[in-house]
C-alpha atoms as a PDB file:
ATOM      1  CA  MET A   1      26.535 -35.478 -22.392  1.00  0.00           C
ATOM      2  CA  PRO A   2      24.622 -32.208 -22.422  1.00  0.00           C
ATOM      3  CA  PHE A   3      21.776 -33.902 -20.642  1.00  0.00           C
ATOM      4  CA  LEU A   4      24.235 -35.302 -18.058  1.00  0.00           C
ATOM      5  CA  LYS A   5      25.691 -31.889 -17.381  1.00  0.00           C
ATOM      6  CA  LYS A   6      22.205 -30.368 -16.890  1.00  0.00           C
ATOM      7  CA  PHE A   7      21.292 -33.203 -14.559  1.00  0.00           C
ATOM      8  CA  ILE A   8      24.476 -32.725 -12.429  1.00  0.00           C
ATOM      9  CA  LYS A   9      23.846 -28.906 -12.291  1.00  0.00           C
ATOM     10  CA  LEU A  10      20.257 -29.474 -11.173  1.00  0.00           C
ATOM     11  CA  MET A  11      21.441 -31.857  -8.380  1.00  0.00           C
ATOM     12  CA  LYS A  12      23.981 -29.485  -7.125  1.00  0.00           C
ATOM     13  CA  SER A  13      21.408 -26.745  -6.847  1.00  0.00           C
ATOM     14  CA  GLU A  14      19.209 -29.012  -4.712  1.00  0.00           C
ATOM     15  CA  LEU A  15      22.058 -30.161  -2.451  1.00  0.00           C
ATOM     16  CA  ILE A  16      22.380 -27.154  -0.127  1.00  0.00           C
ATOM     17  CA  PRO A  17      25.024 -27.623   2.595  1.00  0.00           C
ATOM     18  CA  LYS A  18      23.523 -28.200   6.072  1.00  0.00           C
ATOM     19  CA  HIS A  19      25.657 -25.436   7.550  1.00  0.00           C
ATOM     20  CA  ASP A  20      24.162 -22.893   5.230  1.00  0.00           C
ATOM     21  CA  LYS A  21      21.018 -22.235   7.313  1.00  0.00           C
ATOM     22  CA  LYS A  22      20.228 -18.963   5.441  1.00  0.00           C
ATOM     23  CA  ARG A  23      19.927 -20.712   2.124  1.00  0.00           C
ATOM     24  CA  ARG A  24      18.155 -23.806   3.599  1.00  0.00           C
ATOM     25  CA  ASN A  25      15.446 -21.637   5.276  1.00  0.00           C
ATOM     26  CA  GLN A  26      15.000 -19.171   2.553  1.00  0.00           C
ATOM     27  CA  TRP A  27      11.428 -18.370   1.746  1.00  0.00           C
ATOM     28  CA  VAL A  28       9.868 -21.318   3.523  1.00  0.00           C
ATOM     29  CA  ILE A  29       6.424 -20.113   4.370  1.00  0.00           C
ATOM     30  CA  ASP A  30       4.200 -22.453   6.351  1.00  0.00           C
ATOM     31  CA  GLU A  31       1.275 -22.242   8.916  1.00  0.00           C
ATOM     32  CA  SER A  32       3.634 -21.395  11.707  1.00  0.00           C
ATOM     33  CA  LYS A  33       4.703 -18.119  10.085  1.00  0.00           C
ATOM     34  CA  TYR A  34       1.371 -16.202  10.427  1.00  0.00           C
ATOM     35  CA  LEU A  35      -1.213 -15.584  13.023  1.00  0.00           C
ATOM     36  CA  HIS A  36      -4.508 -17.305  12.629  1.00  0.00           C
ATOM     37  CA  GLU A  37      -7.858 -15.477  12.985  1.00  0.00           C
ATOM     38  CA  GLU A  38      -8.295 -16.339  16.747  1.00  0.00           C
ATOM     39  CA  GLU A  39      -4.666 -15.397  17.502  1.00  0.00           C
ATOM     40  CA  ILE A  40      -5.221 -11.965  15.662  1.00  0.00           C
ATOM     41  CA  LYS A  41      -8.257 -11.339  17.795  1.00  0.00           C
ATOM     42  CA  LYS A  42      -6.300 -12.058  20.951  1.00  0.00           C
ATOM     43  CA  LEU A  43      -3.373  -9.813  19.822  1.00  0.00           C
ATOM     44  CA  LYS A  44      -5.738  -6.913  18.836  1.00  0.00           C
ATOM     45  CA  LYS A  45      -7.480  -7.212  22.157  1.00  0.00           C
ATOM     46  CA  GLU A  46      -4.224  -7.107  24.188  1.00  0.00           C
ATOM     47  CA  ALA A  47      -3.046  -4.113  22.035  1.00  0.00           C
ATOM     48  CA  ASN A  48      -6.291  -2.338  22.760  1.00  0.00           C
ATOM     49  CA  LYS A  49      -5.677  -2.931  26.470  1.00  0.00           C
ATOM     50  CA  CYS A  50      -2.306  -1.308  26.044  1.00  0.00           C
ATOM     51  CA  ARG A  51      -3.952   1.759  24.528  1.00  0.00           C
ATOM     52  CA  LYS A  52      -6.504   2.071  27.372  1.00  0.00           C
ATOM     53  CA  TYR A  53      -3.690   1.593  29.952  1.00  0.00           C
ATOM     54  CA  GLY A  54      -1.648   4.192  28.331  1.00  0.00           C
ATOM     55  CA  LEU A  55      -4.392   6.697  28.241  1.00  0.00           C
ATOM     56  CA  GLY A  56      -5.394   6.062  31.850  1.00  0.00           C
ATOM     57  CA  HIS A  57      -1.798   6.060  33.297  1.00  0.00           C
ATOM     58  CA  ARG A  58      -0.185   8.508  31.028  1.00  0.00           C
ATOM     59  CA  LYS A  59       2.163   5.893  29.472  1.00  0.00           C
ATOM     60  CA  PHE A  60       3.113   6.707  25.876  1.00  0.00           C
ATOM     61  CA  THR A  61       4.859   3.423  25.313  1.00  0.00           C
ATOM     62  CA  ALA A  62       1.625   1.550  25.871  1.00  0.00           C
ATOM     63  CA  ILE A  63      -0.060   3.760  23.169  1.00  0.00           C
ATOM     64  CA  ARG A  64       2.770   3.195  20.839  1.00  0.00           C
ATOM     65  CA  ASN A  65       2.579  -0.564  21.313  1.00  0.00           C
ATOM     66  CA  TRP A  66      -0.999  -0.546  20.432  1.00  0.00           C
ATOM     67  CA  PHE A  67      -0.346   1.365  17.201  1.00  0.00           C
ATOM     68  CA  MET A  68       2.756  -0.746  16.434  1.00  0.00           C
ATOM     69  CA  VAL A  69       0.491  -3.938  16.351  1.00  0.00           C
ATOM     70  CA  GLU A  70      -2.080  -2.140  14.206  1.00  0.00           C
ATOM     71  CA  LEU A  71       0.485  -0.763  11.778  1.00  0.00           C
ATOM     72  CA  GLY A  72       2.085  -4.261  11.210  1.00  0.00           C
ATOM     73  CA  LEU A  73      -1.322  -5.898  10.742  1.00  0.00           C
ATOM     74  CA  ASN A  74      -2.662  -3.209   8.338  1.00  0.00           C
ATOM     75  CA  THR A  75       0.390  -2.560   6.183  1.00  0.00           C
ATOM     76  CA  GLY A  76       2.738  -5.598   6.362  1.00  0.00           C
ATOM     77  CA  LEU A  77       5.730  -3.240   6.678  1.00  0.00           C
ATOM     78  CA  ARG A  78       9.148  -4.460   7.478  1.00  0.00           C
ATOM     79  CA  VAL A  79      10.513  -3.503  10.929  1.00  0.00           C
ATOM     80  CA  GLU A  80      13.031  -1.147   9.361  1.00  0.00           C
ATOM     81  CA  GLU A  81      10.275   0.436   7.328  1.00  0.00           C
ATOM     82  CA  MET A  82       8.079   0.933  10.391  1.00  0.00           C
ATOM     83  CA  THR A  83      10.927   2.691  12.302  1.00  0.00           C
ATOM     84  CA  SER A  84      11.609   5.046   9.400  1.00  0.00           C
ATOM     85  CA  LEU A  85       8.091   6.369   8.884  1.00  0.00           C
ATOM     86  CA  GLN A  86       7.698  10.075   9.424  1.00  0.00           C
ATOM     87  CA  GLY A  87       4.903  12.490   9.446  1.00  0.00           C
ATOM     88  CA  ASP A  88       5.057  13.195   5.660  1.00  0.00           C
ATOM     89  CA  SER A  89       4.875   9.293   5.075  1.00  0.00           C
ATOM     90  CA  LEU A  90       1.157   9.441   5.875  1.00  0.00           C
ATOM     91  CA  LEU A  91      -1.196  10.534   3.134  1.00  0.00           C
ATOM     92  CA  ILE A  92      -4.432  10.370   5.046  1.00  0.00           C
ATOM     93  CA  ASP A  93      -6.369  13.571   4.200  1.00  0.00           C
ATOM     94  CA  LYS A  94      -9.935  13.670   2.772  1.00  0.00           C
ATOM     95  CA  ASP A  95      -9.081  12.061  -0.589  1.00  0.00           C
ATOM     96  CA  ARG A  96      -6.125   9.905   0.243  1.00  0.00           C
ATOM     97  CA  SER A  97      -5.470   6.669   2.164  1.00  0.00           C
ATOM     98  CA  SER A  98      -1.955   5.589   1.697  1.00  0.00           C
ATOM     99  CA  ILE A  99       1.497   5.501   3.253  1.00  0.00           C
ATOM    100  CA  VAL A 100       4.700   6.236   1.337  1.00  0.00           C
ATOM    101  CA  VAL A 101       7.407   3.873   2.400  1.00  0.00           C
ATOM    102  CA  ILE A 102      11.187   3.805   1.758  1.00  0.00           C
ATOM    103  CA  GLY A 103      11.923   0.100   1.395  1.00  0.00           C
ATOM    104  CA  LYS A 104      14.958  -2.095   0.520  1.00  0.00           C
ATOM    105  CA  GLY A 105      17.418  -0.562  -1.784  1.00  0.00           C
ATOM    106  CA  ASN A 106      16.197   2.774  -0.889  1.00  0.00           C
ATOM    107  CA  LYS A 107      13.052   2.223  -3.188  1.00  0.00           C
ATOM    108  CA  LYS A 108       9.916   4.183  -2.670  1.00  0.00           C
ATOM    109  CA  ARG A 109       6.515   2.622  -2.834  1.00  0.00           C
ATOM    110  CA  VAL A 110       3.036   3.562  -1.886  1.00  0.00           C
ATOM    111  CA  VAL A 111       0.982   1.193   0.400  1.00  0.00           C
ATOM    112  CA  TRP A 112      -2.684   1.475   0.142  1.00  0.00           C
ATOM    113  CA  ILE A 113      -4.582   1.372   3.572  1.00  0.00           C
ATOM    114  CA  SER A 114      -8.229   0.868   4.582  1.00  0.00           C
ATOM    115  CA  GLN A 115     -10.472   3.492   5.734  1.00  0.00           C
ATOM    116  CA  ASP A 116     -10.622   1.860   9.068  1.00  0.00           C
ATOM    117  CA  PHE A 117      -6.826   2.020   9.522  1.00  0.00           C
ATOM    118  CA  LYS A 118      -6.784   5.593   8.211  1.00  0.00           C
ATOM    119  CA  LYS A 119      -8.964   6.493  11.132  1.00  0.00           C
ATOM    120  CA  THR A 120      -6.672   4.608  13.571  1.00  0.00           C
ATOM    121  CA  CYS A 121      -3.767   6.686  12.208  1.00  0.00           C
ATOM    122  CA  CYS A 122      -5.636   9.967  12.894  1.00  0.00           C
ATOM    123  CA  VAL A 123      -6.484   8.806  16.398  1.00  0.00           C
ATOM    124  CA  TYR A 124      -2.846   7.886  17.081  1.00  0.00           C
ATOM    125  CA  LEU A 125      -1.671  11.265  15.899  1.00  0.00           C
ATOM    126  CA  GLU A 126      -4.112  13.003  18.205  1.00  0.00           C
ATOM    127  CA  TYR A 127      -2.721  10.783  21.143  1.00  0.00           C
ATOM    128  CA  LYS A 128       0.811  11.869  20.176  1.00  0.00           C
ATOM    129  CA  LYS A 129      -0.118  15.564  20.424  1.00  0.00           C
ATOM    130  CA  ARG A 130      -1.771  14.895  23.712  1.00  0.00           C
ATOM    131  CA  PHE A 131       1.452  13.460  25.001  1.00  0.00           C
ATOM    132  CA  GLY A 132       3.473  16.352  23.739  1.00  0.00           C
ATOM    133  CA  TYR A 133       5.102  14.719  20.679  1.00  0.00           C
ATOM    134  CA  GLY A 134       5.368  16.290  17.273  1.00  0.00           C
ATOM    135  CA  THR A 135       3.369  15.152  14.237  1.00  0.00           C
ATOM    136  CA  GLY A 136       5.118  17.250  11.649  1.00  0.00           C
ATOM    137  CA  SER A 137       6.648  16.062   8.384  1.00  0.00           C
ATOM    138  CA  GLU A 138       9.977  15.170   9.953  1.00  0.00           C
ATOM    139  CA  ASP A 139       8.706  13.762  13.206  1.00  0.00           C
ATOM    140  CA  TYR A 140       8.959   9.973  13.466  1.00  0.00           C
ATOM    141  CA  LEU A 141       5.745   8.140  13.700  1.00  0.00           C
ATOM    142  CA  LEU A 142       6.983   5.500  16.095  1.00  0.00           C
ATOM    143  CA  ASN A 143       9.165   7.777  18.209  1.00  0.00           C
ATOM    144  CA  ASN A 144      10.996   6.937  21.429  1.00  0.00           C
ATOM    145  CA  LEU A 145      10.430   8.758  24.680  1.00  0.00           C
ATOM    146  CA  LYS A 146      12.780  11.466  23.560  1.00  0.00           C
ATOM    147  CA  GLY A 147      10.976  12.035  20.363  1.00  0.00           C
ATOM    148  CA  GLY A 148      13.602  10.473  18.076  1.00  0.00           C
ATOM    149  CA  ARG A 149      13.556   7.404  15.925  1.00  0.00           C
ATOM    150  CA  ILE A 150      12.916   4.189  17.814  1.00  0.00           C
ATOM    151  CA  SER A 151      15.241   1.233  17.124  1.00  0.00           C
ATOM    152  CA  LYS A 152      14.382  -2.016  15.467  1.00  0.00           C
ATOM    153  CA  ARG A 153      15.459  -3.908  18.521  1.00  0.00           C
ATOM    154  CA  ALA A 154      13.146  -1.842  20.745  1.00  0.00           C
ATOM    155  CA  LEU A 155      10.085  -2.566  18.595  1.00  0.00           C
ATOM    156  CA  GLN A 156      11.032  -6.316  18.568  1.00  0.00           C
ATOM    157  CA  LYS A 157      11.274  -6.308  22.297  1.00  0.00           C
ATOM    158  CA  PHE A 158       7.918  -4.386  22.803  1.00  0.00           C
ATOM    159  CA  PHE A 159       6.159  -6.760  20.404  1.00  0.00           C
ATOM    160  CA  LYS A 160       7.391  -9.684  22.397  1.00  0.00           C
ATOM    161  CA  ILE A 161       5.981  -8.230  25.531  1.00  0.00           C
ATOM    162  CA  VAL A 162       2.571  -7.761  23.886  1.00  0.00           C
ATOM    163  CA  ILE A 163       2.610 -11.295  22.452  1.00  0.00           C
ATOM    164  CA  LYS A 164       3.369 -12.801  26.034  1.00  0.00           C
ATOM    165  CA  ARG A 165       0.558 -10.766  27.630  1.00  0.00           C
ATOM    166  CA  ALA A 166      -1.798 -11.964  24.853  1.00  0.00           C
ATOM    167  CA  ASN A 167      -0.903 -15.595  25.782  1.00  0.00           C
ATOM    168  CA  LEU A 168       0.362 -16.432  22.225  1.00  0.00           C
ATOM    169  CA  SER A 169       3.206 -18.539  21.164  1.00  0.00           C
ATOM    170  CA  ASN A 170       6.726 -17.175  21.874  1.00  0.00           C
ATOM    171  CA  ARG A 171       7.718 -18.262  18.381  1.00  0.00           C
ATOM    172  CA  TYR A 172       6.072 -15.147  16.954  1.00  0.00           C
ATOM    173  CA  HIS A 173       8.262 -12.146  16.139  1.00  0.00           C
ATOM    174  CA  ILE A 174       7.180  -8.720  14.782  1.00  0.00           C
ATOM    175  CA  HIS A 175       8.106  -9.862  11.305  1.00  0.00           C
ATOM    176  CA  ASN A 176       5.283 -12.418  11.486  1.00  0.00           C
ATOM    177  CA  LEU A 177       2.759  -9.474  11.237  1.00  0.00           C
ATOM    178  CA  ARG A 178       4.135  -9.067   7.769  1.00  0.00           C
ATOM    179  CA  HIS A 179       3.541 -12.702   6.928  1.00  0.00           C
ATOM    180  CA  THR A 180       0.051 -12.368   8.486  1.00  0.00           C
ATOM    181  CA  TYR A 181      -0.798  -9.407   6.332  1.00  0.00           C
ATOM    182  CA  THR A 182       0.430 -11.038   3.206  1.00  0.00           C
ATOM    183  CA  THR A 183      -1.505 -14.244   3.834  1.00  0.00           C
ATOM    184  CA  PHE A 184      -4.879 -12.553   4.550  1.00  0.00           C
ATOM    185  CA  LEU A 185      -4.547  -9.893   1.912  1.00  0.00           C
ATOM    186  CA  LEU A 186      -3.921 -12.575  -0.839  1.00  0.00           C
ATOM    187  CA  ILE A 187      -7.194 -14.231   0.328  1.00  0.00           C
ATOM    188  CA  ALA A 188      -9.165 -10.934   0.425  1.00  0.00           C
ATOM    189  CA  SER A 189      -7.772  -9.896  -2.991  1.00  0.00           C
ATOM    190  CA  GLY A 190      -8.745 -13.208  -4.631  1.00  0.00           C
ATOM    191  CA  ARG A 191      -5.083 -14.127  -4.897  1.00  0.00           C
ATOM    192  CA  ASP A 192      -3.985 -11.091  -6.734  1.00  0.00           C
ATOM    193  CA  TYR A 193      -0.234 -11.756  -6.421  1.00  0.00           C
ATOM    194  CA  ASP A 194       0.770  -8.708  -8.527  1.00  0.00           C
ATOM    195  CA  PHE A 195      -1.138  -6.260  -6.249  1.00  0.00           C
ATOM    196  CA  VAL A 196       0.118  -7.860  -3.071  1.00  0.00           C
ATOM    197  CA  SER A 197       3.678  -7.944  -4.419  1.00  0.00           C
ATOM    198  CA  LYS A 198       3.509  -4.232  -4.968  1.00  0.00           C
ATOM    199  CA  GLN A 199       2.049  -3.541  -1.507  1.00  0.00           C
ATOM    200  CA  LEU A 200       4.933  -5.422   0.169  1.00  0.00           C
ATOM    201  CA  GLY A 201       7.671  -4.092  -2.003  1.00  0.00           C
ATOM    202  CA  HIS A 202       8.843  -7.517  -3.242  1.00  0.00           C
ATOM    203  CA  THR A 203      11.453  -7.190  -5.998  1.00  0.00           C
ATOM    204  CA  SER A 204      10.074 -10.340  -7.721  1.00  0.00           C
ATOM    205  CA  ILE A 205       6.465 -11.650  -7.745  1.00  0.00           C
ATOM    206  CA  ARG A 206       8.046 -15.110  -7.145  1.00  0.00           C
ATOM    207  CA  THR A 207       8.660 -14.047  -3.525  1.00  0.00           C
ATOM    208  CA  THR A 208       4.964 -13.371  -3.070  1.00  0.00           C
ATOM    209  CA  GLN A 209       4.081 -16.722  -4.678  1.00  0.00           C
ATOM    210  CA  THR A 210       5.825 -18.455  -1.916  1.00  0.00           C
ATOM    211  CA  TYR A 211       2.762 -17.875   0.155  1.00  0.00           C
ATOM    212  CA  ALA A 212       0.574 -19.962  -2.326  1.00  0.00           C
ATOM    213  CA  GLY A 213       0.748 -23.052  -0.156  1.00  0.00           C
ATOM    214  CA  VAL A 214      -0.667 -21.454   2.973  1.00  0.00           C
ATOM    215  CA  VAL A 215      -3.148 -19.542   1.102  1.00  0.00           C
ATOM    216  CA  GLU A 216      -4.516 -22.605  -0.664  1.00  0.00           C
ATOM    217  CA  HIS A 217      -4.578 -24.419   2.654  1.00  0.00           C
ATOM    218  CA  ILE A 218      -6.961 -21.824   4.093  1.00  0.00           C
ATOM    219  CA  ALA A 219      -8.993 -21.724   0.871  1.00  0.00           C
ATOM    220  CA  ARG A 220      -9.668 -25.346   1.046  1.00  0.00           C
ATOM    221  CA  LYS A 221     -11.930 -24.897   4.010  1.00  0.00           C
ATOM    222  CA  ALA A 222     -14.508 -23.546   1.473  1.00  0.00           C
ATOM    223  CA  ILE A 223     -14.839 -27.101   0.247  1.00  0.00           C
ATOM    224  CA  GLU A 224     -16.337 -28.228   3.643  1.00  0.00           C
ATOM    225  CA  LYS A 225     -18.924 -25.460   3.471  1.00  0.00           C
ATOM    226  CA  MET A 226     -20.299 -26.592   0.106  1.00  0.00           C
ATOM    227  CA  TYR A 227     -24.058 -27.548  -0.023  1.00  0.00           C
ATOM    228  CA  ARG A 228     -24.505 -26.859   3.729  1.00  0.00           C
END
Protein backbone atom coordinates (compact mmCIF):
# COMPACT_ATOMS: atom_id res chain seq x y z
CA MET A 1 0.00 0.00 0.00
CA PRO A 2 2.72 2.59 0.82
CA PHE A 3 4.24 1.94 -2.61
CA LEU A 4 0.84 2.35 -4.29
CA LYS A 5 0.25 5.67 -2.52
CA LYS A 6 3.64 6.97 -3.64
CA PHE A 7 2.89 5.87 -7.21
CA ILE A 8 -0.49 7.64 -7.24
CA LYS A 9 1.07 10.80 -5.80
CA LEU A 10 3.77 10.76 -8.50
CA MET A 11 1.21 10.30 -11.27
CA LYS A 12 -0.87 13.21 -9.97
CA SER A 13 2.19 15.46 -10.01
CA GLU A 14 2.80 14.55 -13.66
CA LEU A 15 -0.79 15.11 -14.78
CA ILE A 16 -0.99 18.89 -14.96
CA PRO A 17 -4.35 20.20 -16.21
CA LYS A 18 -4.30 21.49 -19.79
CA HIS A 19 -5.94 24.75 -18.74
CA ASP A 20 -3.11 25.50 -16.32
CA LYS A 21 -0.79 27.04 -18.90
CA LYS A 22 1.46 28.64 -16.31
CA ARG A 23 2.36 25.29 -14.74
CA ARG A 24 2.59 23.47 -18.07
CA ASN A 25 5.06 25.97 -19.46
CA GLN A 26 7.05 26.52 -16.29
CA TRP A 27 10.81 26.53 -16.83
CA VAL A 28 10.81 24.94 -20.26
CA ILE A 29 14.02 26.19 -21.86
CA ASP A 30 14.74 25.21 -25.46
CA GLU A 31 16.58 26.66 -28.45
CA SER A 32 13.74 29.03 -29.28
CA LYS A 33 14.23 30.89 -25.99
CA TYR A 34 17.66 32.39 -26.68
CA LEU A 35 19.32 34.24 -29.54
CA HIS A 36 21.99 32.35 -31.45
CA GLU A 37 25.37 33.85 -32.34
CA GLU A 38 24.38 35.19 -35.77
CA GLU A 39 21.18 36.63 -34.32
CA ILE A 40 23.14 38.36 -31.58
CA LYS A 41 25.40 39.93 -34.20
CA LYS A 42 22.38 41.21 -36.13
CA LEU A 43 20.79 42.60 -32.98
CA LYS A 44 23.96 44.36 -31.84
CA LYS A 45 24.47 45.76 -35.34
CA GLU A 46 20.96 47.20 -35.39
CA ALA A 47 21.36 48.56 -31.86
CA ASN A 48 24.55 50.32 -32.94
CA LYS A 49 22.65 51.85 -35.86
CA CYS A 50 20.20 53.21 -33.30
CA ARG A 51 23.08 54.76 -31.38
CA LYS A 52 24.50 56.45 -34.48
CA TYR A 53 21.07 57.66 -35.56
CA GLY A 54 20.39 59.06 -32.11
CA LEU A 55 23.64 60.97 -32.08
CA GLY A 56 23.16 62.32 -35.57
CA HIS A 57 19.52 63.32 -35.16
CA ARG A 58 19.43 64.24 -31.48
CA LYS A 59 17.10 61.35 -30.59
CA PHE A 60 17.68 60.13 -27.05
CA THR A 61 15.25 57.23 -27.41
CA ALA A 62 17.51 55.72 -30.08
CA ILE A 63 20.52 56.04 -27.77
CA ARG A 64 18.56 54.42 -24.95
CA ASN A 65 17.46 51.56 -27.22
CA TRP A 66 21.10 50.81 -28.00
CA PHE A 67 21.99 50.69 -24.33
CA MET A 68 18.87 48.67 -23.49
CA VAL A 69 20.07 45.88 -25.81
CA GLU A 70 23.63 46.00 -24.48
CA LEU A 71 22.41 46.00 -20.90
CA GLY A 72 20.25 42.93 -21.45
CA LEU A 73 22.93 40.99 -23.28
CA ASN A 74 25.64 41.81 -20.74
CA THR A 75 23.78 41.43 -17.46
CA GLY A 76 20.76 39.19 -18.02
CA LEU A 77 18.62 41.44 -15.84
CA ARG A 78 14.87 41.05 -15.65
CA VAL A 79 12.88 43.88 -17.26
CA GLU A 80 11.73 45.16 -13.86
CA GLU A 81 15.34 45.20 -12.68
CA MET A 82 16.43 47.14 -15.75
CA THR A 83 13.83 49.85 -15.21
CA SER A 84 14.73 50.24 -11.52
CA LEU A 85 18.47 50.86 -12.03
CA GLN A 86 19.69 54.24 -10.80
CA GLY A 87 22.99 56.05 -10.86
CA ASP A 88 24.18 54.52 -7.59
CA SER A 89 23.47 51.04 -9.02
CA LEU A 90 26.58 51.29 -11.16
CA LEU A 91 29.90 50.51 -9.50
CA ILE A 92 32.19 51.31 -12.41
CA ASP A 93 35.06 53.30 -11.03
CA LYS A 94 38.73 52.38 -11.50
CA ASP A 95 38.71 49.26 -9.33
CA ARG A 96 35.08 48.13 -9.59
CA SER A 97 33.06 46.56 -12.41
CA SER A 98 29.63 45.58 -11.13
CA ILE A 99 25.98 46.56 -10.84
CA VAL A 100 23.92 46.43 -7.65
CA VAL A 101 20.48 45.08 -8.42
CA ILE A 102 17.30 44.90 -6.36
CA GLY A 103 15.63 41.72 -7.59
CA LYS A 104 12.59 39.64 -6.73
CA GLY A 105 11.51 39.80 -3.13
CA ASN A 106 13.42 43.07 -2.76
CA LYS A 107 16.64 41.05 -2.55
CA LYS A 108 19.88 42.82 -3.35
CA ARG A 109 22.62 41.18 -5.40
CA VAL A 110 25.79 42.21 -7.17
CA VAL A 111 26.10 41.41 -10.87
CA TRP A 112 29.66 41.37 -12.19
CA ILE A 113 30.18 42.92 -15.62
CA SER A 114 32.97 42.76 -18.21
CA GLN A 115 35.49 45.53 -18.80
CA ASP A 116 34.01 46.09 -22.25
CA PHE A 117 30.53 46.62 -20.89
CA LYS A 118 31.93 48.85 -18.16
CA LYS A 119 33.24 51.11 -20.93
CA THR A 120 29.85 50.96 -22.63
CA CYS A 121 28.21 52.16 -19.41
CA CYS A 122 30.63 55.08 -19.18
CA VAL A 123 29.93 56.06 -22.79
CA TYR A 124 26.18 55.89 -22.21
CA LEU A 125 26.43 58.14 -19.15
CA GLU A 126 28.31 60.70 -21.23
CA TYR A 127 25.56 60.56 -23.84
CA LYS A 128 22.96 61.15 -21.13
CA LYS A 129 24.81 64.27 -20.00
CA ARG A 130 25.02 65.45 -23.60
CA PHE A 131 21.23 65.19 -23.87
CA GLY A 132 20.72 67.05 -20.61
CA TYR A 133 19.74 64.12 -18.38
CA GLY A 134 21.07 63.55 -14.90
CA THR A 135 23.51 60.80 -13.98
CA GLY A 136 23.37 61.22 -10.21
CA SER A 137 22.74 58.54 -7.62
CA GLU A 138 18.94 58.90 -7.79
CA ASP A 139 18.62 59.39 -11.54
CA TYR A 140 17.23 56.43 -13.45
CA LEU A 141 19.61 54.79 -15.88
CA LEU A 142 16.95 54.03 -18.48
CA ASN A 143 14.89 57.18 -18.09
CA ASN A 144 11.94 58.36 -20.15
CA LEU A 145 12.00 61.65 -22.04
CA LYS A 146 10.92 63.50 -18.89
CA GLY A 147 13.83 62.05 -16.94
CA GLY A 148 11.72 59.69 -14.86
CA ARG A 149 11.60 55.93 -14.64
CA ILE A 150 10.70 54.20 -17.89
CA SER A 151 7.93 51.60 -17.77
CA LYS A 152 8.33 47.87 -18.42
CA ARG A 153 5.80 48.09 -21.24
CA ALA A 154 7.77 50.85 -22.94
CA LEU A 155 10.99 48.83 -22.85
CA GLN A 156 9.19 45.79 -24.22
CA LYS A 157 7.74 47.92 -27.01
CA PHE A 158 11.09 49.49 -27.94
CA PHE A 159 12.79 46.11 -27.94
CA LYS A 160 10.20 44.78 -30.39
CA ILE A 161 10.97 47.71 -32.70
CA VAL A 162 14.69 46.92 -32.67
CA ILE A 163 14.02 43.21 -33.24
CA LYS A 164 11.83 44.00 -36.25
CA ARG A 165 14.43 46.32 -37.78
CA ALA A 166 17.10 43.67 -37.27
CA ASN A 167 14.93 41.22 -39.27
CA LEU A 168 14.80 38.77 -36.39
CA SER A 169 11.91 36.53 -35.37
CA ASN A 170 8.91 38.24 -33.84
CA ARG A 171 8.81 35.53 -31.17
CA TYR A 172 11.64 37.25 -29.34
CA HIS A 173 10.79 39.45 -26.38
CA ILE A 174 13.12 41.47 -24.20
CA HIS A 175 13.15 38.65 -21.60
CA ASN A 176 14.88 36.48 -24.20
CA LEU A 177 18.00 38.57 -23.60
CA ARG A 178 18.08 37.07 -20.10
CA HIS A 179 17.86 33.56 -21.55
CA THR A 180 20.59 34.42 -24.03
CA TYR A 181 22.88 35.78 -21.33
CA THR A 182 22.33 32.71 -19.16
CA THR A 183 23.03 30.25 -21.95
CA PHE A 184 26.26 31.86 -23.10
CA LEU A 185 27.52 32.62 -19.58
CA LEU A 186 27.09 28.96 -18.64
CA ILE A 187 29.20 27.95 -21.63
CA ALA A 188 31.84 30.64 -21.01
CA SER A 189 32.09 29.73 -17.30
CA GLY A 190 32.52 26.03 -17.98
CA ARG A 191 29.00 25.31 -16.72
CA ASP A 192 29.49 26.96 -13.35
CA TYR A 193 25.84 26.79 -12.33
CA ASP A 194 26.47 28.22 -8.88
CA PHE A 195 28.13 31.39 -10.22
CA VAL A 196 25.53 31.90 -12.95
CA SER A 197 22.72 31.36 -10.47
CA LYS A 198 24.10 34.16 -8.28
CA GLN A 199 24.49 36.47 -11.29
CA LEU A 200 20.85 35.94 -12.24
CA GLY A 201 19.42 36.11 -8.74
CA HIS A 202 17.79 32.69 -8.91
CA THR A 203 16.42 31.57 -5.56
CA SER A 204 17.38 27.98 -6.38
CA ILE A 205 20.21 26.57 -8.48
CA ARG A 206 17.64 24.17 -9.92
CA THR A 207 16.23 27.07 -11.91
CA THR A 208 19.62 27.65 -13.52
CA GLN A 209 20.00 23.95 -14.20
CA THR A 210 16.95 24.03 -16.47
CA TYR A 211 19.33 25.47 -19.07
CA ALA A 212 21.41 22.29 -19.07
CA GLY A 213 19.69 20.90 -22.14
CA VAL A 214 20.40 23.84 -24.45
CA VAL A 215 23.92 24.27 -23.08
CA GLU A 216 24.80 20.65 -23.73
CA HIS A 217 23.27 20.90 -27.20
CA ILE A 218 25.65 23.74 -28.08
CA ALA A 219 28.59 22.00 -26.43
CA ARG A 220 28.04 18.91 -28.57
CA LYS A 221 29.30 20.88 -31.56
CA ALA A 222 32.79 20.40 -30.13
CA ILE A 223 32.57 16.72 -31.02
CA GLU A 224 32.44 17.60 -34.71
CA LYS A 225 35.68 19.58 -34.38
CA MET A 226 37.69 16.73 -32.90
CA TYR A 227 40.77 15.62 -34.87
CA ARG A 228 40.18 18.20 -37.61
